[in-house]
Amino acid sequence: MPYVNIKVTKEGVTAEQKERLIRGVTQLLVDVLGKRPQTIQVVIDEVETDNWGVGGETVTERRKRGD
């Protein structure tokens, strides 16, 4: 039973984009690993940019600078 966890920053990912991610990842596991779609679990976690760090600083601060 494959389990995939996708983490994205909480910055306007639409419901349609999430549905496309879930369908796409599911299909990838079917195609590559031969898994049955009914057994595949995909979870998308949206993380506030203040709670995500890159290079020792929050994504919020990086975005303020335009990084």
PDB file of N, CA and C in Angstrom:
ATOM      1  N   MET A   1       0.842  -1.168   0.000  1.00  0.00           N
ATOM      2  CA  MET A   1       0.000   0.000   0.000  1.00  0.00           C
ATOM      3  C   MET A   1       0.898   1.246   0.000  1.00  0.00           C
ATOM      4  N   PRO A   2       1.183   1.817  -1.181  1.00  0.00           N
ATOM      5  CA  PRO A   2       2.041   2.998  -1.241  1.00  0.00           C
ATOM      6  C   PRO A   2       1.391   4.214  -0.581  1.00  0.00           C
ATOM      7  N   TYR A   3       2.226   4.993   0.072  1.00  0.00           N
ATOM      8  CA  TYR A   3       1.804   6.230   0.718  1.00  0.00           C
ATOM      9  C   TYR A   3       2.757   7.324   0.256  1.00  0.00           C
ATOM     10  N   VAL A   4       2.213   8.385  -0.308  1.00  0.00           N
ATOM     11  CA  VAL A   4       3.023   9.502  -0.784  1.00  0.00           C
ATOM     12  C   VAL A   4       2.573  10.749  -0.045  1.00  0.00           C
ATOM     13  N   ASN A   5       3.537  11.491   0.507  1.00  0.00           N
ATOM     14  CA  ASN A   5       3.229  12.734   1.214  1.00  0.00           C
ATOM     15  C   ASN A   5       3.890  13.886   0.466  1.00  0.00           C
ATOM     16  N   ILE A   6       3.075  14.802  -0.017  1.00  0.00           N
ATOM     17  CA  ILE A   6       3.559  15.975  -0.741  1.00  0.00           C
ATOM     18  C   ILE A   6       3.418  17.169   0.186  1.00  0.00           C
ATOM     19  N   LYS A   7       4.487  17.921   0.338  1.00  0.00           N
ATOM     20  CA  LYS A   7       4.435  19.124   1.163  1.00  0.00           C
ATOM     21  C   LYS A   7       4.681  20.331   0.263  1.00  0.00           C
ATOM     22  N   VAL A   8       3.776  21.305   0.373  1.00  0.00           N
ATOM     23  CA  VAL A   8       3.902  22.549  -0.380  1.00  0.00           C
ATOM     24  C   VAL A   8       3.681  23.709   0.579  1.00  0.00           C
ATOM     25  N   THR A   9       4.217  24.873   0.216  1.00  0.00           N
ATOM     26  CA  THR A   9       3.934  26.043   1.030  1.00  0.00           C
ATOM     27  C   THR A   9       2.501  26.474   0.778  1.00  0.00           C
ATOM     28  N   LYS A  10       1.907  27.016   1.809  1.00  0.00           N
ATOM     29  CA  LYS A  10       0.498  27.409   1.763  1.00  0.00           C
ATOM     30  C   LYS A  10       0.393  28.773   1.082  1.00  0.00           C
ATOM     31  N   GLU A  11       0.389  28.735  -0.234  1.00  0.00           N
ATOM     32  CA  GLU A  11       0.390  29.977  -1.007  1.00  0.00           C
ATOM     33  C   GLU A  11      -0.519  29.858  -2.224  1.00  0.00           C
ATOM     34  N   GLY A  12      -1.737  29.470  -2.006  1.00  0.00           N
ATOM     35  CA  GLY A  12      -2.705  29.512  -3.089  1.00  0.00           C
ATOM     36  C   GLY A  12      -2.718  28.323  -4.027  1.00  0.00           C
ATOM     37  N   VAL A  13      -2.312  27.155  -3.564  1.00  0.00           N
ATOM     38  CA  VAL A  13      -2.465  25.958  -4.385  1.00  0.00           C
ATOM     39  C   VAL A  13      -3.963  25.676  -4.463  1.00  0.00           C
ATOM     40  N   THR A  14      -4.472  25.609  -5.670  1.00  0.00           N
ATOM     41  CA  THR A  14      -5.915  25.458  -5.834  1.00  0.00           C
ATOM     42  C   THR A  14      -6.347  24.009  -5.643  1.00  0.00           C
ATOM     43  N   ALA A  15      -7.645  23.834  -5.417  1.00  0.00           N
ATOM     44  CA  ALA A  15      -8.201  22.482  -5.290  1.00  0.00           C
ATOM     45  C   ALA A  15      -7.960  21.704  -6.577  1.00  0.00           C
ATOM     46  N   GLU A  16      -8.084  22.356  -7.717  1.00  0.00           N
ATOM     47  CA  GLU A  16      -7.845  21.681  -9.001  1.00  0.00           C
ATOM     48  C   GLU A  16      -6.396  21.213  -9.118  1.00  0.00           C
ATOM     49  N   GLN A  17      -5.453  22.043  -8.698  1.00  0.00           N
ATOM     50  CA  GLN A  17      -4.043  21.641  -8.744  1.00  0.00           C
ATOM     51  C   GLN A  17      -3.784  20.450  -7.830  1.00  0.00           C
ATOM     52  N   LYS A  18      -4.395  20.445  -6.658  1.00  0.00           N
ATOM     53  CA  LYS A  18      -4.232  19.319  -5.738  1.00  0.00           C
ATOM     54  C   LYS A  18      -4.817  18.043  -6.341  1.00  0.00           C
ATOM     55  N   GLU A  19      -5.969  18.147  -6.949  1.00  0.00           N
ATOM     56  CA  GLU A  19      -6.577  16.979  -7.602  1.00  0.00           C
ATOM     57  C   GLU A  19      -5.667  16.451  -8.704  1.00  0.00           C
ATOM     58  N   ARG A  20      -5.070  17.365  -9.477  1.00  0.00           N
ATOM     59  CA  ARG A  20      -4.153  16.946 -10.546  1.00  0.00           C
ATOM     60  C   ARG A  20      -2.917  16.258  -9.979  1.00  0.00           C
ATOM     61  N   LEU A  21      -2.390  16.785  -8.860  1.00  0.00           N
ATOM     62  CA  LEU A  21      -1.250  16.136  -8.210  1.00  0.00           C
ATOM     63  C   LEU A  21      -1.604  14.727  -7.759  1.00  0.00           C
ATOM     64  N   ILE A  22      -2.753  14.593  -7.122  1.00  0.00           N
ATOM     65  CA  ILE A  22      -3.174  13.278  -6.626  1.00  0.00           C
ATOM     66  C   ILE A  22      -3.347  12.301  -7.779  1.00  0.00           C
ATOM     67  N   ARG A  23      -4.023  12.728  -8.836  1.00  0.00           N
ATOM     68  CA  ARG A  23      -4.201  11.843 -10.005  1.00  0.00           C
ATOM     69  C   ARG A  23      -2.862  11.498 -10.653  1.00  0.00           C
ATOM     70  N   GLY A  24      -2.001  12.523 -10.801  1.00  0.00           N
ATOM     71  CA  GLY A  24      -0.715  12.306 -11.470  1.00  0.00           C
ATOM     72  C   GLY A  24       0.209  11.385 -10.700  1.00  0.00           C
ATOM     73  N   VAL A  25       0.302  11.583  -9.402  1.00  0.00           N
ATOM     74  CA  VAL A  25       1.163  10.724  -8.574  1.00  0.00           C
ATOM     75  C   VAL A  25       0.617   9.308  -8.563  1.00  0.00           C
ATOM     76  N   THR A  26      -0.688   9.176  -8.452  1.00  0.00           N
ATOM     77  CA  THR A  26      -1.299   7.845  -8.477  1.00  0.00           C
ATOM     78  C   THR A  26      -0.961   7.142  -9.789  1.00  0.00           C
ATOM     79  N   GLN A  27      -1.130   7.848 -10.904  1.00  0.00           N
ATOM     80  CA  GLN A  27      -0.846   7.235 -12.205  1.00  0.00           C
ATOM     81  C   GLN A  27       0.623   6.875 -12.345  1.00  0.00           C
ATOM     82  N   LEU A  28       1.504   7.703 -11.806  1.00  0.00           N
ATOM     83  CA  LEU A  28       2.936   7.412 -11.853  1.00  0.00           C
ATOM     84  C   LEU A  28       3.258   6.105 -11.139  1.00  0.00           C
ATOM     85  N   LEU A  29       2.662   5.899  -9.968  1.00  0.00           N
ATOM     86  CA  LEU A  29       2.907   4.655  -9.228  1.00  0.00           C
ATOM     87  C   LEU A  29       2.307   3.444  -9.942  1.00  0.00           C
ATOM     88  N   VAL A  30       1.194   3.649 -10.616  1.00  0.00           N
ATOM     89  CA  VAL A  30       0.608   2.574 -11.424  1.00  0.00           C
ATOM     90  C   VAL A  30       1.561   2.227 -12.562  1.00  0.00           C
ATOM     91  N   ASP A  31       2.037   3.247 -13.278  1.00  0.00           N
ATOM     92  CA  ASP A  31       2.894   3.035 -14.451  1.00  0.00           C
ATOM     93  C   ASP A  31       4.268   2.484 -14.100  1.00  0.00           C
ATOM     94  N   VAL A  32       4.891   3.023 -13.053  1.00  0.00           N
ATOM     95  CA  VAL A  32       6.274   2.651 -12.731  1.00  0.00           C
ATOM     96  C   VAL A  32       6.355   1.391 -11.881  1.00  0.00           C
ATOM     97  N   LEU A  33       5.467   1.290 -10.891  1.00  0.00           N
ATOM     98  CA  LEU A  33       5.556   0.177  -9.945  1.00  0.00           C
ATOM     99  C   LEU A  33       4.494  -0.895 -10.148  1.00  0.00           C
ATOM    100  N   GLY A  34       3.550  -0.625 -11.035  1.00  0.00           N
ATOM    101  CA  GLY A  34       2.492  -1.609 -11.277  1.00  0.00           C
ATOM    102  C   GLY A  34       1.505  -1.733 -10.119  1.00  0.00           C
ATOM    103  N   LYS A  35       1.374  -0.693  -9.329  1.00  0.00           N
ATOM    104  CA  LYS A  35       0.461  -0.735  -8.175  1.00  0.00           C
ATOM    105  C   LYS A  35      -0.979  -0.516  -8.610  1.00  0.00           C
ATOM    106  N   ARG A  36      -1.902  -1.031  -7.824  1.00  0.00           N
ATOM    107  CA  ARG A  36      -3.327  -0.823  -8.071  1.00  0.00           C
ATOM    108  C   ARG A  36      -3.723   0.540  -7.505  1.00  0.00           C
ATOM    109  N   PRO A  37      -4.412   1.363  -8.292  1.00  0.00           N
ATOM    110  CA  PRO A  37      -4.776   2.704  -7.816  1.00  0.00           C
ATOM    111  C   PRO A  37      -5.538   2.680  -6.496  1.00  0.00           C
ATOM    112  N   GLN A  38      -6.329   1.649  -6.271  1.00  0.00           N
ATOM    113  CA  GLN A  38      -7.139   1.567  -5.051  1.00  0.00           C
ATOM    114  C   GLN A  38      -6.295   1.458  -3.786  1.00  0.00           C
ATOM    115  N   THR A  39      -5.030   1.091  -3.933  1.00  0.00           N
ATOM    116  CA  THR A  39      -4.170   0.915  -2.755  1.00  0.00           C
ATOM    117  C   THR A  39      -3.270   2.124  -2.493  1.00  0.00           C
ATOM    118  N   ILE A  40      -3.285   3.100  -3.392  1.00  0.00           N
ATOM    119  CA  ILE A  40      -2.357   4.233  -3.306  1.00  0.00           C
ATOM    120  C   ILE A  40      -2.980   5.368  -2.493  1.00  0.00           C
ATOM    121  N   GLN A  41      -2.208   5.843  -1.526  1.00  0.00           N
ATOM    122  CA  GLN A  41      -2.645   6.968  -0.707  1.00  0.00           C
ATOM    123  C   GLN A  41      -1.738   8.162  -0.970  1.00  0.00           C
ATOM    124  N   VAL A  42      -2.342   9.308  -1.240  1.00  0.00           N
ATOM    125  CA  VAL A  42      -1.591  10.542  -1.476  1.00  0.00           C
ATOM    126  C   VAL A  42      -2.128  11.599  -0.511  1.00  0.00           C
ATOM    127  N   VAL A  43      -1.229  12.212   0.244  1.00  0.00           N
ATOM    128  CA  VAL A  43      -1.596  13.254   1.194  1.00  0.00           C
ATOM    129  C   VAL A  43      -0.829  14.524   0.825  1.00  0.00           C
ATOM    130  N   ILE A  44      -1.531  15.636   0.766  1.00  0.00           N
ATOM    131  CA  ILE A  44      -0.892  16.929   0.506  1.00  0.00           C
ATOM    132  C   ILE A  44      -0.983  17.761   1.778  1.00  0.00           C
ATOM    133  N   ASP A  45       0.174  18.155   2.296  1.00  0.00           N
ATOM    134  CA  ASP A  45       0.242  19.030   3.463  1.00  0.00           C
ATOM    135  C   ASP A  45       0.620  20.426   2.998  1.00  0.00           C
ATOM    136  N   GLU A  46      -0.155  21.411   3.414  1.00  0.00           N
ATOM    137  CA  GLU A  46       0.170  22.799   3.122  1.00  0.00           C
ATOM    138  C   GLU A  46       0.797  23.411   4.373  1.00  0.00           C
ATOM    139  N   VAL A  47       2.003  23.928   4.218  1.00  0.00           N
ATOM    140  CA  VAL A  47       2.778  24.433   5.349  1.00  0.00           C
ATOM    141  C   VAL A  47       2.895  25.949   5.226  1.00  0.00           C
ATOM    142  N   GLU A  48       2.612  26.641   6.313  1.00  0.00           N
ATOM    143  CA  GLU A  48       2.798  28.094   6.338  1.00  0.00           C
ATOM    144  C   GLU A  48       4.265  28.414   6.044  1.00  0.00           C
ATOM    145  N   THR A  49       4.506  29.501   5.311  1.00  0.00           N
ATOM    146  CA  THR A  49       5.880  29.850   4.943  1.00  0.00           C
ATOM    147  C   THR A  49       6.741  30.201   6.156  1.00  0.00           C
ATOM    148  N   ASP A  50       6.112  30.610   7.264  1.00  0.00           N
ATOM    149  CA  ASP A  50       6.878  30.852   8.495  1.00  0.00           C
ATOM    150  C   ASP A  50       7.380  29.551   9.114  1.00  0.00           C
ATOM    151  N   ASN A  51       6.791  28.425   8.723  1.00  0.00           N
ATOM    152  CA  ASN A  51       7.153  27.116   9.286  1.00  0.00           C
ATOM    153  C   ASN A  51       8.023  26.293   8.347  1.00  0.00           C
ATOM    154  N   TRP A  52       8.533  26.896   7.290  1.00  0.00           N
ATOM    155  CA  TRP A  52       9.363  26.194   6.316  1.00  0.00           C
ATOM    156  C   TRP A  52      10.666  26.969   6.190  1.00  0.00           C
ATOM    157  N   GLY A  53      11.773  26.317   6.452  1.00  0.00           N
ATOM    158  CA  GLY A  53      13.057  26.995   6.386  1.00  0.00           C
ATOM    159  C   GLY A  53      13.932  26.460   5.271  1.00  0.00           C
ATOM    160  N   VAL A  54      14.691  27.357   4.653  1.00  0.00           N
ATOM    161  CA  VAL A  54      15.663  27.003   3.622  1.00  0.00           C
ATOM    162  C   VAL A  54      16.920  27.833   3.881  1.00  0.00           C
ATOM    163  N   GLY A  55      18.036  27.187   3.987  1.00  0.00           N
ATOM    164  CA  GLY A  55      19.292  27.910   4.183  1.00  0.00           C
ATOM    165  C   GLY A  55      19.341  28.730   5.457  1.00  0.00           C
ATOM    166  N   GLY A  56      18.642  28.270   6.492  1.00  0.00           N
ATOM    167  CA  GLY A  56      18.714  28.933   7.782  1.00  0.00           C
ATOM    168  C   GLY A  56      17.730  30.073   7.972  1.00  0.00           C
ATOM    169  N   GLU A  57      16.800  30.243   7.040  1.00  0.00           N
ATOM    170  CA  GLU A  57      15.801  31.290   7.208  1.00  0.00           C
ATOM    171  C   GLU A  57      14.455  30.808   6.688  1.00  0.00           C
ATOM    172  N   THR A  58      13.404  31.496   7.115  1.00  0.00           N
ATOM    173  CA  THR A  58      12.068  31.067   6.700  1.00  0.00           C
ATOM    174  C   THR A  58      11.819  31.436   5.238  1.00  0.00           C
ATOM    175  N   VAL A  59      10.918  30.696   4.642  1.00  0.00           N
ATOM    176  CA  VAL A  59      10.514  30.993   3.270  1.00  0.00           C
ATOM    177  C   VAL A  59       9.873  32.388   3.212  1.00  0.00           C
ATOM    178  N   THR A  60       9.178  32.780   4.275  1.00  0.00           N
ATOM    179  CA  THR A  60       8.573  34.114   4.328  1.00  0.00           C
ATOM    180  C   THR A  60       9.635  35.188   4.092  1.00  0.00           C
ATOM    181  N   GLU A  61      10.749  35.084   4.808  1.00  0.00           N
ATOM    182  CA  GLU A  61      11.825  36.074   4.654  1.00  0.00           C
ATOM    183  C   GLU A  61      12.450  36.013   3.266  1.00  0.00           C
ATOM    184  N   ARG A  62      12.644  34.824   2.760  1.00  0.00           N
ATOM    185  CA  ARG A  62      13.217  34.672   1.413  1.00  0.00           C
ATOM    186  C   ARG A  62      12.311  35.297   0.371  1.00  0.00           C
ATOM    187  N   ARG A  63      10.996  35.099   0.523  1.00  0.00           N
ATOM    188  CA  ARG A  63      10.044  35.659  -0.444  1.00  0.00           C
ATOM    189  C   ARG A  63      10.021  37.184  -0.383  1.00  0.00           C
ATOM    190  N   LYS A  64      10.216  37.748   0.803  1.00  0.00           N
ATOM    191  CA  LYS A  64      10.255  39.206   0.936  1.00  0.00           C
ATOM    192  C   LYS A  64      11.387  39.799   0.114  1.00  0.00           C
ATOM    193  N   ARG A  65      12.498  39.049   0.025  1.00  0.00           N
ATOM    194  CA  ARG A  65      13.655  39.497  -0.754  1.00  0.00           C
ATOM    195  C   ARG A  65      13.525  39.174  -2.237  1.00  0.00           C
ATOM    196  N   GLY A  66      12.527  38.372  -2.571  1.00  0.00           N
ATOM    197  CA  GLY A  66      12.354  37.988  -3.965  1.00  0.00           C
ATOM    198  C   GLY A  66      13.051  36.702  -4.348  1.00  0.00           C
ATOM    199  N   ASP A  67      13.519  35.940  -3.361  1.00  0.00           N
ATOM    200  CA  ASP A  67      14.183  34.640  -3.644  1.00  0.00           C
ATOM    201  C   ASP A  67      13.170  33.563  -3.908  1.00  0.00           C
TER     202      ASP A  67
END
